[in-house]
Amino acid sequence: MAMVVAVDRYTAEDAAELVVDYDQLPPVVDYATALEPTESIHASHPGNLVGELAGRPMADLAPVFERAPHVVSVTVHQQSYGPVPMETRGIVAEWSAPAGEMTIWAATQSPHEVRSFCARLLGVDEHRVRVVMRDTGGGFGQKMLPQREDMCVMLAAVKLPAALKWIEDRQEHLLAAGQARHERVLGQGERAPAPRSSVESPQPAFPARTLPSGVLHGTTRSEGSATPFRTN
């Protein structure tokens, strides 16, 4: 990852065109066929499988469905969408070298997580990090956790003698801030307490979370998929 620091936004954007170059790589854009690709996004994850949460083997429920008088199967596709808050993401970080303390002004939904993240990133105690959160400007979950840009600002602020600010514009937001909920749920149930479902969800190539969001969302979808079925 490359980062350009300048006196204003326009200078930074011009400089980025000179120092940042991109390699065109084969994309993997269809999550339904991503497990059988010709290209792997990361060598450490062959087959592009980044997370899986397994429960009781589906084969154990096969006899129940075979005895059921009525079995209903359904596939539900959730379209992809991206949170678009009224105000985009932004952060200001100022490092005080004599005190060894960081002050952060952030448009965030979780200031305590920002403080903990910064403390871990810089290797300082949490009481050395102060986070100020004013009006968030909307979030819809997108400002819940620090992301790549926040991390870069925090690291760069330690090396600079002045406060460092990053505010994304709307184009940057739509391109890089992240999307959610693009998934497929395959459910099967009958008139007995044994519904079962399979959830497939994509994961970005460079996620902000340690826990893959696809696993997190898949858990909630699996738990909620039983609600349309009657249980006794």
Protein backbone atom coordinates (compact mmCIF):
# COMPACT_ATOMS: atom_id res chain seq x y z
CA MET A 1 0.00 0.00 0.00
CA ALA A 2 1.25 3.47 -0.92
CA MET A 3 0.36 6.75 0.76
CA VAL A 4 0.99 10.33 -0.31
CA VAL A 5 1.04 13.18 2.23
CA ALA A 6 0.76 16.73 0.89
CA VAL A 7 -0.25 20.24 1.92
CA ASP A 8 -3.65 19.89 0.23
CA ARG A 9 -5.85 17.37 -1.53
CA TYR A 10 -5.07 18.56 -5.05
CA THR A 11 -1.32 18.21 -4.62
CA ALA A 12 -1.74 14.76 -3.10
CA GLU A 13 -3.90 13.55 -6.00
CA ASP A 14 -1.41 14.82 -8.58
CA ALA A 15 1.49 13.22 -6.71
CA ALA A 16 -0.35 9.90 -6.41
CA GLU A 17 -0.55 9.67 -10.20
CA LEU A 18 3.25 9.89 -10.37
CA VAL A 19 4.21 7.44 -7.64
CA VAL A 20 1.39 4.89 -7.56
CA ASP A 21 1.15 2.21 -10.23
CA TYR A 22 -1.34 -0.62 -10.52
CA ASP A 23 -0.86 -4.13 -11.85
CA GLN A 24 -3.83 -5.49 -13.74
CA LEU A 25 -4.69 -8.88 -12.20
CA PRO A 26 -7.39 -11.35 -13.26
CA PRO A 27 -10.49 -10.57 -11.19
CA VAL A 28 -12.73 -13.06 -9.39
CA VAL A 29 -16.14 -11.40 -9.30
CA ASP A 30 -18.70 -14.21 -9.03
CA TYR A 31 -18.89 -15.64 -5.52
CA ALA A 32 -21.00 -18.58 -6.72
CA THR A 33 -18.10 -19.91 -8.83
CA ALA A 34 -15.17 -18.43 -6.86
CA LEU A 35 -14.41 -21.75 -5.17
CA GLU A 36 -13.47 -23.25 -8.53
CA PRO A 37 -11.41 -20.47 -10.08
CA THR A 38 -8.50 -20.41 -12.45
CA GLU A 39 -6.95 -17.70 -10.28
CA SER A 40 -6.46 -17.50 -6.51
CA ILE A 41 -6.59 -14.05 -4.94
CA HIS A 42 -4.14 -15.04 -2.20
CA ALA A 43 -1.68 -17.93 -2.35
CA SER A 44 -2.37 -18.60 1.34
CA HIS A 45 -6.03 -19.33 0.55
CA PRO A 46 -6.17 -21.82 -2.32
CA GLY A 47 -9.60 -22.10 -3.83
CA ASN A 48 -10.43 -18.62 -2.47
CA LEU A 49 -12.07 -20.04 0.67
CA VAL A 50 -11.32 -17.60 3.51
CA GLY A 51 -13.73 -18.77 6.19
CA GLU A 52 -16.14 -21.56 6.96
CA LEU A 53 -18.41 -22.31 9.90
CA ALA A 54 -19.72 -25.86 9.92
CA GLY A 55 -22.35 -27.37 12.14
CA ARG A 56 -23.95 -30.78 12.26
CA PRO A 57 -23.34 -32.72 9.03
CA MET A 58 -26.20 -32.32 6.55
CA ALA A 59 -26.20 -36.09 6.04
CA ASP A 60 -27.48 -36.55 9.60
CA LEU A 61 -30.70 -34.80 8.63
CA ALA A 62 -31.25 -36.74 5.43
CA PRO A 63 -33.46 -39.44 7.08
CA VAL A 64 -35.69 -36.73 8.59
CA PHE A 65 -36.33 -35.16 5.20
CA GLU A 66 -36.85 -38.54 3.57
CA ARG A 67 -39.68 -39.30 6.05
CA ALA A 68 -41.29 -35.88 5.76
CA PRO A 69 -44.62 -35.73 3.91
CA HIS A 70 -43.83 -32.29 2.51
CA VAL A 71 -40.43 -30.76 1.79
CA VAL A 72 -39.96 -27.23 0.47
CA SER A 73 -36.69 -25.96 -1.01
CA VAL A 74 -35.94 -22.33 -1.80
CA THR A 75 -32.94 -20.29 -2.95
CA VAL A 76 -32.89 -16.62 -1.95
CA HIS A 77 -30.48 -14.16 -3.56
CA GLN A 78 -29.61 -10.97 -1.68
CA GLN A 79 -28.37 -8.28 -4.01
CA SER A 80 -25.17 -6.42 -3.25
CA TYR A 81 -25.49 -2.99 -1.72
CA GLY A 82 -23.18 -0.39 -0.29
CA PRO A 83 -23.85 1.90 2.67
CA VAL A 84 -23.89 5.51 1.48
CA PRO A 85 -23.94 7.77 4.56
CA MET A 86 -24.66 11.45 4.16
CA GLU A 87 -21.05 12.23 5.13
CA THR A 88 -18.14 10.09 3.97
CA ARG A 89 -15.43 8.61 6.15
CA GLY A 90 -12.76 10.84 7.66
CA ILE A 91 -10.09 11.04 10.33
CA VAL A 92 -7.67 13.58 11.79
CA ALA A 93 -4.71 12.31 13.82
CA GLU A 94 -2.16 14.33 15.79
CA TRP A 95 0.81 12.74 17.52
CA SER A 96 2.51 14.43 20.46
CA ALA A 97 6.05 13.11 20.54
CA PRO A 98 7.05 14.63 23.94
CA ALA A 99 4.02 13.08 25.64
CA GLY A 100 3.90 9.94 23.51
CA GLU A 101 0.17 10.45 22.99
CA MET A 102 -2.17 10.36 20.01
CA THR A 103 -5.32 12.45 19.60
CA ILE A 104 -7.80 11.35 16.94
CA TRP A 105 -10.89 13.06 15.63
CA ALA A 106 -12.89 10.45 13.75
CA ALA A 107 -16.24 10.03 12.06
CA THR A 108 -16.84 6.66 13.67
CA GLN A 109 -19.58 4.57 15.20
CA SER A 110 -17.23 3.02 17.76
CA PRO A 111 -14.69 5.41 19.32
CA HIS A 112 -13.54 2.83 21.87
CA GLU A 113 -12.63 0.40 19.09
CA VAL A 114 -10.69 3.16 17.31
CA ARG A 115 -8.73 3.78 20.51
CA SER A 116 -7.99 0.09 21.04
CA PHE A 117 -7.02 -0.38 17.40
CA CYS A 118 -4.65 2.60 17.43
CA ALA A 119 -3.04 1.46 20.69
CA ARG A 120 -2.39 -2.02 19.28
CA LEU A 121 -1.13 -0.58 15.99
CA LEU A 122 1.36 1.81 17.60
CA GLY A 123 2.26 -0.43 20.52
CA VAL A 124 1.23 2.09 23.20
CA ASP A 125 -1.09 1.91 26.18
CA GLU A 126 -4.73 2.75 25.52
CA HIS A 127 -4.66 5.70 27.91
CA ARG A 128 -2.14 7.28 25.53
CA VAL A 129 -4.80 7.47 22.80
CA ARG A 130 -7.67 9.96 22.92
CA VAL A 131 -10.51 9.70 20.40
CA VAL A 132 -12.97 12.52 19.80
CA MET A 133 -16.21 11.61 18.05
CA ARG A 134 -18.59 14.37 16.99
CA ASP A 135 -21.46 14.00 14.53
CA THR A 136 -20.90 10.78 12.61
CA GLY A 137 -22.83 11.84 9.52
CA GLY A 138 -24.41 8.42 9.09
CA GLY A 139 -22.71 5.07 9.09
CA PHE A 140 -24.95 2.04 8.50
CA GLY A 141 -22.20 -0.18 9.91
CA GLN A 142 -19.54 1.08 7.51
CA LYS A 143 -17.90 3.29 10.16
CA MET A 144 -17.98 0.59 12.82
CA LEU A 145 -14.34 -0.51 12.51
CA PRO A 146 -11.14 1.28 11.48
CA GLN A 147 -10.19 0.53 7.90
CA ARG A 148 -7.07 0.69 5.75
CA GLU A 149 -7.05 4.46 5.35
CA ASP A 150 -7.44 5.03 9.10
CA MET A 151 -4.47 2.76 9.75
CA CYS A 152 -2.29 4.66 7.26
CA VAL A 153 -3.16 8.02 8.81
CA MET A 154 -2.35 6.76 12.30
CA LEU A 155 1.03 5.39 11.20
CA ALA A 156 1.95 8.49 9.20
CA ALA A 157 0.92 10.91 11.96
CA VAL A 158 3.68 9.53 14.21
CA LYS A 159 6.28 10.59 11.64
CA LEU A 160 4.95 14.11 11.06
CA PRO A 161 5.28 17.28 13.15
CA ALA A 162 1.69 18.35 12.45
CA ALA A 163 -1.82 16.92 12.48
CA LEU A 164 -2.72 14.77 9.50
CA LYS A 165 -6.19 14.77 7.91
CA TRP A 166 -7.85 12.40 5.47
CA ILE A 167 -11.40 12.92 4.17
CA GLU A 168 -12.62 10.74 1.33
CA ASP A 169 -14.68 12.20 -1.48
CA ARG A 170 -17.81 10.53 -2.77
CA GLN A 171 -16.08 8.85 -5.70
CA GLU A 172 -13.50 7.30 -3.39
CA HIS A 173 -16.28 6.22 -1.07
CA LEU A 174 -18.19 4.39 -3.78
CA LEU A 175 -15.04 2.73 -5.10
CA ALA A 176 -13.29 1.65 -1.91
CA ALA A 177 -15.40 2.05 1.21
CA GLY A 178 -16.89 -1.43 0.90
CA GLN A 179 -20.13 -3.23 0.12
CA ALA A 180 -22.23 -5.76 1.96
CA ARG A 181 -24.88 -8.46 1.94
CA HIS A 182 -24.18 -9.89 -1.52
CA GLU A 183 -25.06 -13.50 -0.73
CA ARG A 184 -27.11 -16.56 -1.53
CA VAL A 185 -29.11 -18.63 0.96
CA LEU A 186 -30.21 -22.16 0.10
CA GLY A 187 -32.88 -23.34 2.51
CA GLN A 188 -34.83 -26.56 2.90
CA GLY A 189 -37.51 -27.31 5.44
CA GLU A 190 -40.55 -29.36 6.25
CA ARG A 191 -43.25 -29.58 8.90
CA ALA A 192 -40.86 -30.73 11.62
CA PRO A 193 -38.21 -28.99 13.70
CA ALA A 194 -35.41 -29.69 11.24
CA PRO A 195 -34.91 -26.85 8.77
CA ARG A 196 -31.48 -26.61 7.21
CA SER A 197 -29.78 -23.94 5.16
CA SER A 198 -26.52 -23.13 3.40
CA VAL A 199 -25.26 -19.56 3.10
CA GLU A 200 -22.73 -18.40 0.52
CA SER A 201 -21.29 -14.91 0.88
CA PRO A 202 -18.35 -13.13 -0.77
CA GLN A 203 -15.40 -11.68 1.10
CA PRO A 204 -13.33 -8.71 -0.14
CA ALA A 205 -9.74 -9.42 -1.13
CA PHE A 206 -8.38 -7.14 1.61
CA PRO A 207 -10.96 -7.06 4.40
CA ALA A 208 -10.98 -4.66 7.32
CA ARG A 209 -12.04 -7.33 9.81
CA THR A 210 -10.05 -10.24 11.14
CA LEU A 211 -13.22 -12.33 11.21
CA PRO A 212 -14.47 -12.73 7.62
CA SER A 213 -17.73 -10.84 7.30
CA GLY A 214 -19.11 -13.66 5.17
CA VAL A 215 -18.82 -16.04 8.14
CA LEU A 216 -20.42 -13.49 10.47
CA HIS A 217 -23.32 -12.80 8.11
CA GLY A 218 -23.69 -16.48 7.29
CA THR A 219 -24.17 -17.26 10.98
CA THR A 220 -26.97 -14.74 11.36
CA ARG A 221 -28.64 -15.87 8.14
CA SER A 222 -28.55 -19.51 9.18
CA GLU A 223 -30.08 -18.69 12.55
CA GLY A 224 -32.81 -16.60 10.97
CA SER A 225 -33.62 -18.91 8.08
CA ALA A 226 -35.61 -21.21 10.37
CA THR A 227 -38.25 -18.59 11.11
CA PRO A 228 -40.51 -19.29 8.10
CA PHE A 229 -40.90 -22.93 9.18
CA ARG A 230 -43.29 -24.13 11.85
CA THR A 231 -41.66 -25.89 14.79
CA ASN A 232 -43.26 -27.87 17.60
